[in-house]
N, C-alpha and C. Protein backbone atom coordinates (compact mmCIF):
# COMPACT_ATOMS: atom_id res chain seq x y z
N MET A 1 -29.09 -19.89 2.49
CA MET A 1 -27.71 -20.07 3.18
C MET A 1 -27.74 -19.57 4.63
N SER A 2 -26.92 -20.15 5.46
CA SER A 2 -26.98 -19.92 6.92
C SER A 2 -26.32 -18.77 7.22
N SER A 3 -26.57 -17.99 8.34
CA SER A 3 -26.17 -16.69 8.92
C SER A 3 -24.29 -16.83 9.01
N ALA A 4 -23.88 -18.12 8.96
CA ALA A 4 -22.85 -18.26 9.16
C ALA A 4 -21.95 -18.23 7.73
N GLY A 5 -22.88 -18.69 6.72
CA GLY A 5 -22.26 -18.58 5.40
C GLY A 5 -22.40 -17.11 5.10
N ASP A 6 -23.36 -16.21 5.30
CA ASP A 6 -23.49 -15.04 5.00
C ASP A 6 -22.35 -14.24 5.60
N GLY A 7 -22.09 -14.52 7.12
CA GLY A 7 -20.85 -13.57 7.36
C GLY A 7 -19.63 -13.96 7.03
N ALA A 8 -19.41 -15.48 6.37
CA ALA A 8 -17.85 -15.47 5.62
C ALA A 8 -18.02 -14.50 4.25
N ARG A 9 -19.23 -14.90 3.70
CA ARG A 9 -19.10 -14.06 2.32
C ARG A 9 -19.07 -12.28 2.54
N ALA A 10 -19.64 -11.96 3.51
CA ALA A 10 -19.39 -10.69 3.96
C ALA A 10 -17.72 -10.39 4.11
N ARG A 11 -17.51 -11.20 4.95
CA ARG A 11 -15.77 -10.93 5.17
C ARG A 11 -14.85 -10.92 3.91
N ARG A 12 -15.43 -11.92 3.25
CA ARG A 12 -14.46 -12.00 1.79
C ARG A 12 -14.75 -10.62 1.17
N GLU A 13 -15.99 -10.28 0.79
CA GLU A 13 -16.37 -8.98 0.12
C GLU A 13 -15.56 -7.99 0.82
N ALA A 14 -15.74 -8.01 2.18
CA ALA A 14 -14.88 -6.44 2.36
C ALA A 14 -13.81 -6.71 2.36
N SER A 15 -13.08 -8.01 2.36
CA SER A 15 -11.66 -8.28 2.10
C SER A 15 -11.24 -7.60 0.65
N ALA A 16 -12.04 -8.11 -0.14
CA ALA A 16 -11.87 -7.79 -1.76
C ALA A 16 -12.16 -6.44 -1.73
N ALA A 17 -12.93 -5.30 -1.03
CA ALA A 17 -13.13 -4.20 -1.26
C ALA A 17 -11.72 -3.72 -0.86
N ARG A 18 -11.18 -4.04 0.31
CA ARG A 18 -9.77 -3.38 0.92
C ARG A 18 -8.93 -3.65 -0.06
N SER A 19 -8.92 -4.43 -0.92
CA SER A 19 -7.63 -5.01 -1.66
C SER A 19 -7.68 -4.02 -2.68
N ASP A 20 -9.05 -4.08 -3.24
CA ASP A 20 -9.52 -2.96 -4.24
C ASP A 20 -9.08 -1.73 -4.06
N ALA A 21 -9.22 -1.35 -3.00
CA ALA A 21 -9.18 0.25 -2.42
C ALA A 21 -7.15 0.41 -2.32
N ARG A 22 -6.71 -0.70 -1.93
CA ARG A 22 -5.34 -0.71 -1.74
C ARG A 22 -4.95 -0.39 -3.62
N ARG A 23 -5.32 -1.20 -4.06
CA ARG A 23 -4.65 -1.28 -5.61
C ARG A 23 -5.07 0.20 -6.23
N ARG A 24 -6.10 0.87 -6.18
CA ARG A 24 -6.37 2.51 -6.44
C ARG A 24 -5.43 3.18 -5.85
N ALA A 25 -5.31 2.99 -4.59
CA ALA A 25 -4.25 4.11 -3.74
C ALA A 25 -3.08 3.73 -4.42
N LEU A 26 -2.56 2.52 -4.66
CA LEU A 26 -0.99 2.31 -5.39
C LEU A 26 -1.06 3.04 -6.55
N SER A 27 -2.13 2.69 -7.25
CA SER A 27 -2.42 3.53 -9.01
C SER A 27 -2.04 4.95 -8.48
N MET A 28 -2.66 5.40 -7.71
CA MET A 28 -2.87 7.02 -7.66
C MET A 28 -1.32 7.51 -7.45
N LEU A 29 -0.86 6.60 -6.15
CA LEU A 29 0.22 6.99 -5.89
C LEU A 29 1.44 6.76 -6.39
N TYR A 30 1.57 5.75 -7.50
CA TYR A 30 2.50 5.61 -8.55
C TYR A 30 2.27 6.53 -9.46
N GLN A 31 1.15 6.93 -10.09
CA GLN A 31 0.96 8.03 -10.90
C GLN A 31 1.38 9.14 -10.59
N ALA A 32 1.30 9.48 -9.11
CA ALA A 32 1.72 10.81 -8.52
C ALA A 32 3.67 10.86 -8.91
N ASP A 33 4.26 9.59 -8.36
CA ASP A 33 5.36 9.73 -8.24
C ASP A 33 6.16 9.71 -9.80
N ALA A 34 5.56 9.01 -10.67
CA ALA A 34 6.10 8.79 -11.88
C ALA A 34 5.89 10.01 -12.58
N THR A 35 5.05 10.68 -12.62
CA THR A 35 4.50 12.29 -13.23
C THR A 35 4.89 13.07 -12.57
N GLY A 36 5.32 13.33 -11.32
CA GLY A 36 5.85 14.51 -10.73
C GLY A 36 4.85 15.24 -10.29
N GLN A 37 3.35 14.63 -10.12
CA GLN A 37 2.30 15.37 -9.94
C GLN A 37 2.07 15.07 -8.60
N SER A 38 1.25 16.15 -7.70
CA SER A 38 1.15 15.78 -6.19
C SER A 38 0.13 14.97 -6.22
N PRO A 39 0.02 14.04 -5.08
CA PRO A 39 -1.11 12.87 -4.84
C PRO A 39 -2.64 13.68 -5.07
N SER A 40 -2.61 14.74 -4.58
CA SER A 40 -3.94 15.50 -4.48
C SER A 40 -4.17 15.99 -5.92
N GLU A 41 -3.30 16.08 -6.74
CA GLU A 41 -3.39 16.56 -8.14
C GLU A 41 -4.16 15.29 -8.83
N VAL A 42 -3.74 14.03 -8.40
CA VAL A 42 -3.70 12.70 -8.96
C VAL A 42 -5.19 12.38 -8.63
N LEU A 43 -5.64 12.57 -7.30
CA LEU A 43 -7.07 12.39 -6.68
C LEU A 43 -8.03 13.39 -7.58
N ALA A 44 -7.56 14.36 -7.77
CA ALA A 44 -8.55 15.43 -8.43
C ALA A 44 -8.86 14.89 -9.58
N THR A 45 -7.89 14.38 -10.45
CA THR A 45 -8.16 13.86 -11.72
C THR A 45 -8.93 12.57 -11.78
N TRP A 46 -8.62 11.83 -10.69
CA TRP A 46 -9.42 10.30 -10.67
C TRP A 46 -10.83 10.81 -10.39
N PHE A 47 -11.03 11.71 -9.57
CA PHE A 47 -12.64 12.38 -9.21
C PHE A 47 -13.24 13.03 -10.36
N ALA A 48 -12.58 13.88 -11.10
CA ALA A 48 -12.94 14.44 -12.40
C ALA A 48 -13.52 13.19 -13.31
N GLU A 49 -12.69 12.03 -13.50
CA GLU A 49 -12.70 11.05 -14.46
C GLU A 49 -14.05 10.07 -14.32
N GLY A 50 -13.97 9.81 -12.99
CA GLY A 50 -14.68 8.63 -12.61
C GLY A 50 -15.68 9.22 -11.29
N GLY A 51 -15.39 9.88 -10.80
CA GLY A 51 -16.37 10.28 -9.85
C GLY A 51 -16.03 9.49 -8.50
N ASP A 52 -16.95 10.34 -7.31
CA ASP A 52 -16.70 9.64 -6.12
C ASP A 52 -16.58 7.91 -5.95
N ALA A 53 -17.71 7.35 -6.80
CA ALA A 53 -17.68 6.06 -6.97
C ALA A 53 -16.41 5.36 -7.28
N ASP A 54 -15.43 5.77 -7.90
CA ASP A 54 -14.30 5.38 -8.52
C ASP A 54 -13.16 5.34 -7.58
N VAL A 55 -13.56 6.04 -6.58
CA VAL A 55 -12.30 6.49 -5.52
C VAL A 55 -12.72 6.02 -3.98
N PRO A 56 -12.54 4.80 -3.38
CA PRO A 56 -13.17 4.47 -2.31
C PRO A 56 -12.71 5.40 -1.25
N ASP A 57 -13.55 5.65 -0.30
CA ASP A 57 -12.88 6.04 1.07
C ASP A 57 -11.36 5.58 1.36
N LEU A 58 -11.27 4.24 1.80
CA LEU A 58 -10.01 3.74 2.12
C LEU A 58 -8.94 4.30 1.19
N ALA A 59 -8.99 4.32 -0.11
CA ALA A 59 -8.13 4.45 -1.20
C ALA A 59 -7.83 5.85 -0.79
N ARG A 60 -8.64 6.86 -0.33
CA ARG A 60 -8.36 8.39 -0.30
C ARG A 60 -7.53 8.71 0.83
N GLU A 61 -7.78 7.76 2.04
CA GLU A 61 -7.19 7.75 3.38
C GLU A 61 -5.62 7.17 2.93
N LEU A 62 -5.34 6.05 2.40
CA LEU A 62 -4.32 5.48 2.39
C LEU A 62 -3.57 6.49 1.36
N VAL A 63 -3.95 7.25 0.33
CA VAL A 63 -3.00 8.04 -0.39
C VAL A 63 -2.65 9.37 0.55
N ASP A 64 -3.88 10.05 1.09
CA ASP A 64 -3.20 11.16 2.39
C ASP A 64 -2.41 10.65 3.56
N GLY A 65 -2.47 9.40 3.76
CA GLY A 65 -1.64 8.84 4.70
C GLY A 65 -0.16 8.82 4.23
N VAL A 66 -0.06 8.04 3.09
CA VAL A 66 1.42 7.77 2.63
C VAL A 66 1.95 9.45 2.26
N THR A 67 0.98 10.13 1.60
CA THR A 67 1.41 11.69 1.51
C THR A 67 2.05 12.37 2.68
N GLY A 68 1.27 12.37 3.76
CA GLY A 68 1.54 12.89 5.08
C GLY A 68 2.57 12.53 5.97
N HIS A 69 3.05 11.14 5.42
CA HIS A 69 4.16 10.41 6.30
C HIS A 69 5.28 10.27 5.48
N ARG A 70 5.32 10.63 4.25
CA ARG A 70 6.15 9.99 3.19
C ARG A 70 7.65 10.33 3.59
N ALA A 71 7.97 11.29 4.06
CA ALA A 71 9.59 11.25 4.55
C ALA A 71 9.87 10.42 5.62
N ASP A 72 9.10 10.13 6.63
CA ASP A 72 9.28 9.18 7.81
C ASP A 72 9.20 7.87 6.97
N LEU A 73 7.98 7.49 5.99
CA LEU A 73 8.17 6.23 5.35
C LEU A 73 9.51 5.99 4.66
N ASP A 74 9.92 6.88 3.91
CA ASP A 74 11.16 6.67 3.08
C ASP A 74 12.31 6.42 4.05
N ALA A 75 12.49 7.20 5.36
CA ALA A 75 13.62 6.94 6.00
C ALA A 75 13.46 5.63 6.37
N LEU A 76 12.37 5.25 6.69
CA LEU A 76 12.45 3.49 7.35
C LEU A 76 12.53 2.51 6.26
N ILE A 77 12.07 2.92 5.06
CA ILE A 77 12.54 2.13 3.77
C ILE A 77 14.09 1.99 3.79
N ALA A 78 14.80 3.16 3.64
CA ALA A 78 16.17 3.21 3.66
C ALA A 78 16.89 2.70 4.58
N ARG A 79 16.36 2.76 5.91
CA ARG A 79 17.06 1.86 6.93
C ARG A 79 16.95 0.68 6.58
N TYR A 80 15.99 0.12 5.87
CA TYR A 80 16.11 -1.59 5.91
C TYR A 80 15.88 -2.26 4.48
N ALA A 81 16.34 -1.45 3.42
CA ALA A 81 16.42 -2.04 1.88
C ALA A 81 18.14 -1.83 2.10
N ARG A 82 18.72 -2.89 2.31
CA ARG A 82 19.98 -3.24 1.85
C ARG A 82 20.51 -2.83 0.63
N ASP A 83 21.63 -2.31 0.71
CA ASP A 83 22.07 -2.00 -0.79
C ASP A 83 21.28 -0.96 -1.67
N TRP A 84 20.08 -0.29 -1.36
CA TRP A 84 19.47 0.26 -2.18
C TRP A 84 18.96 1.64 -1.35
N THR A 85 18.75 2.89 -2.32
CA THR A 85 18.45 3.90 -1.63
C THR A 85 17.27 4.22 -2.04
N VAL A 86 16.14 4.72 -1.61
CA VAL A 86 14.87 4.85 -2.33
C VAL A 86 14.69 5.29 -3.57
N GLU A 87 15.39 6.27 -3.69
CA GLU A 87 15.57 6.92 -4.87
C GLU A 87 15.88 6.05 -6.31
N ARG A 88 16.81 5.40 -5.88
CA ARG A 88 17.18 4.33 -6.94
C ARG A 88 16.21 2.83 -7.11
N MET A 89 15.40 2.95 -6.17
CA MET A 89 14.32 1.52 -6.35
C MET A 89 13.21 2.07 -7.72
N PRO A 90 12.96 1.30 -8.38
CA PRO A 90 11.69 1.23 -9.34
C PRO A 90 10.69 2.03 -8.60
N VAL A 91 10.07 3.13 -9.56
CA VAL A 91 8.86 3.76 -9.01
C VAL A 91 7.83 2.84 -8.27
N VAL A 92 7.60 1.45 -9.03
CA VAL A 92 6.31 0.71 -8.62
C VAL A 92 6.80 0.22 -7.21
N ASP A 93 8.04 -0.41 -7.06
CA ASP A 93 8.84 -0.84 -5.81
C ASP A 93 8.51 -0.10 -4.67
N ARG A 94 9.11 1.34 -5.08
CA ARG A 94 9.01 2.14 -3.71
C ARG A 94 7.83 2.60 -3.45
N THR A 95 6.73 2.48 -4.51
CA THR A 95 5.42 3.18 -4.19
C THR A 95 4.82 1.62 -3.21
N ILE A 96 5.13 0.50 -3.69
CA ILE A 96 4.42 -0.33 -3.06
C ILE A 96 5.07 -0.42 -1.21
N LEU A 97 6.40 -0.15 -1.42
CA LEU A 97 6.57 -0.41 -0.02
C LEU A 97 6.30 0.98 0.90
N ARG A 98 6.09 1.98 0.34
CA ARG A 98 5.30 3.31 0.88
C ARG A 98 3.99 2.92 1.57
N LEU A 99 3.52 2.31 0.74
CA LEU A 99 1.97 1.95 0.96
C LEU A 99 1.89 0.99 2.31
N ALA A 100 2.50 -0.04 1.97
CA ALA A 100 2.67 -1.03 3.05
C ALA A 100 3.14 -1.00 4.06
N CYS A 101 4.22 0.04 4.34
CA CYS A 101 4.80 0.65 5.56
C CYS A 101 3.85 1.59 6.04
N TYR A 102 3.20 2.34 5.64
CA TYR A 102 2.01 3.21 5.75
C TYR A 102 0.95 2.36 6.79
N GLU A 103 0.73 1.30 6.15
CA GLU A 103 -0.15 0.35 6.60
C GLU A 103 0.18 -0.03 7.90
N LEU A 104 1.60 -0.67 7.74
CA LEU A 104 2.29 -1.23 9.14
C LEU A 104 2.50 -0.36 10.13
N LEU A 105 2.53 0.63 9.83
CA LEU A 105 2.81 1.80 11.16
C LEU A 105 1.47 2.48 11.38
N HIS A 106 0.85 2.87 10.69
CA HIS A 106 -0.63 3.90 11.10
C HIS A 106 -1.78 3.25 10.80
N ARG A 107 -1.94 1.94 10.44
CA ARG A 107 -3.04 1.13 10.49
C ARG A 107 -3.58 0.17 10.94
N PRO A 108 -3.42 0.12 12.26
CA PRO A 108 -3.89 -1.12 13.22
C PRO A 108 -4.70 -2.06 12.81
N ASP A 109 -5.87 -1.36 11.92
CA ASP A 109 -6.84 -2.32 11.28
C ASP A 109 -6.28 -3.28 10.62
N THR A 110 -5.32 -3.42 9.89
CA THR A 110 -4.66 -4.13 8.76
C THR A 110 -3.73 -4.90 9.34
N PRO A 111 -3.95 -6.02 9.30
CA PRO A 111 -3.29 -7.21 9.73
C PRO A 111 -1.71 -7.19 9.18
N VAL A 112 -0.69 -7.46 10.25
CA VAL A 112 0.98 -7.31 9.23
C VAL A 112 0.49 -8.32 8.35
N ASN A 113 0.24 -9.47 8.01
CA ASN A 113 0.37 -10.52 7.60
C ASN A 113 -0.32 -10.08 5.97
N VAL A 114 -1.53 -9.50 6.21
CA VAL A 114 -2.21 -8.95 5.11
C VAL A 114 -1.31 -7.78 4.45
N ALA A 115 -1.04 -6.91 5.24
CA ALA A 115 0.02 -5.93 4.49
C ALA A 115 1.35 -6.22 3.88
N ILE A 116 1.82 -7.22 4.17
CA ILE A 116 2.94 -7.65 3.69
C ILE A 116 2.70 -8.44 2.41
N SER A 117 1.91 -9.68 2.75
CA SER A 117 1.23 -10.18 1.55
C SER A 117 0.68 -9.50 0.43
N GLU A 118 -0.05 -8.80 0.52
CA GLU A 118 -0.82 -7.70 -0.58
C GLU A 118 0.50 -7.21 -1.13
N ALA A 119 1.56 -6.57 -0.64
CA ALA A 119 2.41 -6.07 -1.17
C ALA A 119 3.62 -6.74 -2.05
N VAL A 120 3.50 -7.87 -1.64
CA VAL A 120 4.50 -9.00 -2.07
C VAL A 120 3.70 -9.36 -3.45
N GLU A 121 2.49 -9.64 -3.39
CA GLU A 121 1.64 -9.85 -4.46
C GLU A 121 1.79 -8.84 -5.63
N ALA A 122 1.47 -7.64 -5.17
CA ALA A 122 1.29 -6.24 -5.90
C ALA A 122 2.72 -6.23 -6.84
N ALA A 123 3.98 -6.59 -6.06
CA ALA A 123 5.43 -6.43 -6.74
C ALA A 123 5.36 -7.56 -7.58
N ARG A 124 5.02 -8.59 -7.13
CA ARG A 124 5.02 -9.85 -8.19
C ARG A 124 4.18 -9.56 -9.49
N GLU A 125 3.02 -8.97 -9.66
CA GLU A 125 2.33 -8.66 -10.64
C GLU A 125 2.74 -7.42 -11.23
N LEU A 126 2.84 -6.45 -10.71
CA LEU A 126 3.37 -5.18 -11.43
C LEU A 126 4.68 -4.97 -11.87
N SER A 127 5.61 -5.65 -11.15
CA SER A 127 7.27 -5.52 -11.25
C SER A 127 7.84 -6.80 -11.52
N THR A 128 8.82 -7.22 -10.99
CA THR A 128 9.41 -8.69 -11.34
C THR A 128 9.25 -9.62 -9.93
N GLU A 129 9.57 -10.56 -10.22
CA GLU A 129 9.40 -11.91 -9.33
C GLU A 129 10.63 -11.59 -8.36
N ASP A 130 11.79 -10.74 -8.61
CA ASP A 130 12.90 -10.16 -7.75
C ASP A 130 12.19 -9.44 -7.07
N SER A 131 11.42 -8.04 -7.28
CA SER A 131 10.92 -7.45 -6.83
C SER A 131 9.89 -7.87 -5.54
N GLY A 132 9.27 -9.09 -5.87
CA GLY A 132 8.35 -9.40 -4.80
C GLY A 132 9.10 -10.01 -3.73
N ARG A 133 10.26 -10.56 -3.88
CA ARG A 133 11.52 -11.13 -2.86
C ARG A 133 11.69 -9.99 -2.27
N PHE A 134 12.40 -8.74 -2.84
CA PHE A 134 12.65 -7.74 -2.31
C PHE A 134 11.76 -6.92 -1.21
N VAL A 135 10.59 -6.92 -1.91
CA VAL A 135 9.52 -6.45 -0.71
C VAL A 135 9.43 -7.00 0.33
N ASN A 136 9.23 -8.45 0.19
CA ASN A 136 9.12 -9.03 1.12
C ASN A 136 9.98 -9.10 2.12
N GLY A 137 11.47 -9.17 1.79
CA GLY A 137 12.36 -9.07 2.85
C GLY A 137 12.52 -7.87 3.63
N VAL A 138 12.52 -6.67 2.58
CA VAL A 138 12.04 -5.12 3.35
C VAL A 138 11.12 -5.17 4.64
N LEU A 139 9.85 -5.63 3.98
CA LEU A 139 8.69 -5.39 4.94
C LEU A 139 9.06 -6.54 6.06
N GLY A 140 9.47 -7.68 5.71
CA GLY A 140 9.64 -8.71 6.72
C GLY A 140 10.71 -8.24 7.83
N ARG A 141 11.64 -7.34 7.31
CA ARG A 141 12.71 -6.94 8.40
C ARG A 141 12.09 -5.74 9.24
N ILE A 142 11.29 -5.01 8.55
CA ILE A 142 10.59 -3.90 9.29
C ILE A 142 9.48 -4.48 10.30
N ALA A 143 8.91 -5.32 9.85
CA ALA A 143 7.83 -6.45 10.94
C ALA A 143 8.60 -6.89 12.15
N ARG A 144 9.69 -7.50 11.77
CA ARG A 144 10.43 -7.94 13.11
C ARG A 144 10.77 -7.07 14.23
N GLU A 145 11.74 -5.91 13.56
CA GLU A 145 12.50 -5.03 14.12
C GLU A 145 11.79 -3.57 14.55
N GLU A 146 10.76 -3.45 13.93
CA GLU A 146 10.10 -2.16 14.44
C GLU A 146 9.13 -2.33 15.26
N GLU A 147 8.67 -1.42 16.50
CA GLU A 147 7.59 -1.36 17.38
C GLU A 147 6.58 -1.13 16.39
N LEU A 148 5.74 -2.28 16.15
CA LEU A 148 4.40 -1.60 15.36
C LEU A 148 2.91 -1.75 16.32
N PRO A 149 2.39 -0.85 15.96
CA PRO A 149 0.82 -0.97 16.63
C PRO A 149 0.41 -2.40 17.02
N ALA A 150 -0.19 -2.29 18.33
CA ALA A 150 -1.06 -3.62 18.47
C ALA A 150 -2.16 -3.87 17.38
N ARG A 151 -2.11 -5.07 17.48
CA ARG A 151 -3.21 -5.73 16.33
C ARG A 151 -4.26 -6.46 16.71
């Protein structure tokens, strides 16, 4: 195989690893919100059950970032979620929105379209088709109207 093919495969593998880390972060943040545990308690449980190998560095960074910016993320989501308060949203939907908003605002290494498309895909898989449209609408408005870091 050519080095160009190797490079493309390496990019696909890196992208898949980032997607997996996002899903793990989403699972941990969802578990924390649904059970009332702190995200650090959930992380500790994941470490105890699966060891470091089960929690990629990116997943930890995302959990810590969402946790550290949660009040600002919730205020942003509330501003753009028409006719919904953050507290009324299904836990999975608000968790997906928090994670995607964190990436949009604080992870310039994540392309805007990737953050939005992965969030929409997660909402469709883990919640409802309506949730996918809702998440897409909220994140689309944020992407258009907020000053996002240069990418």
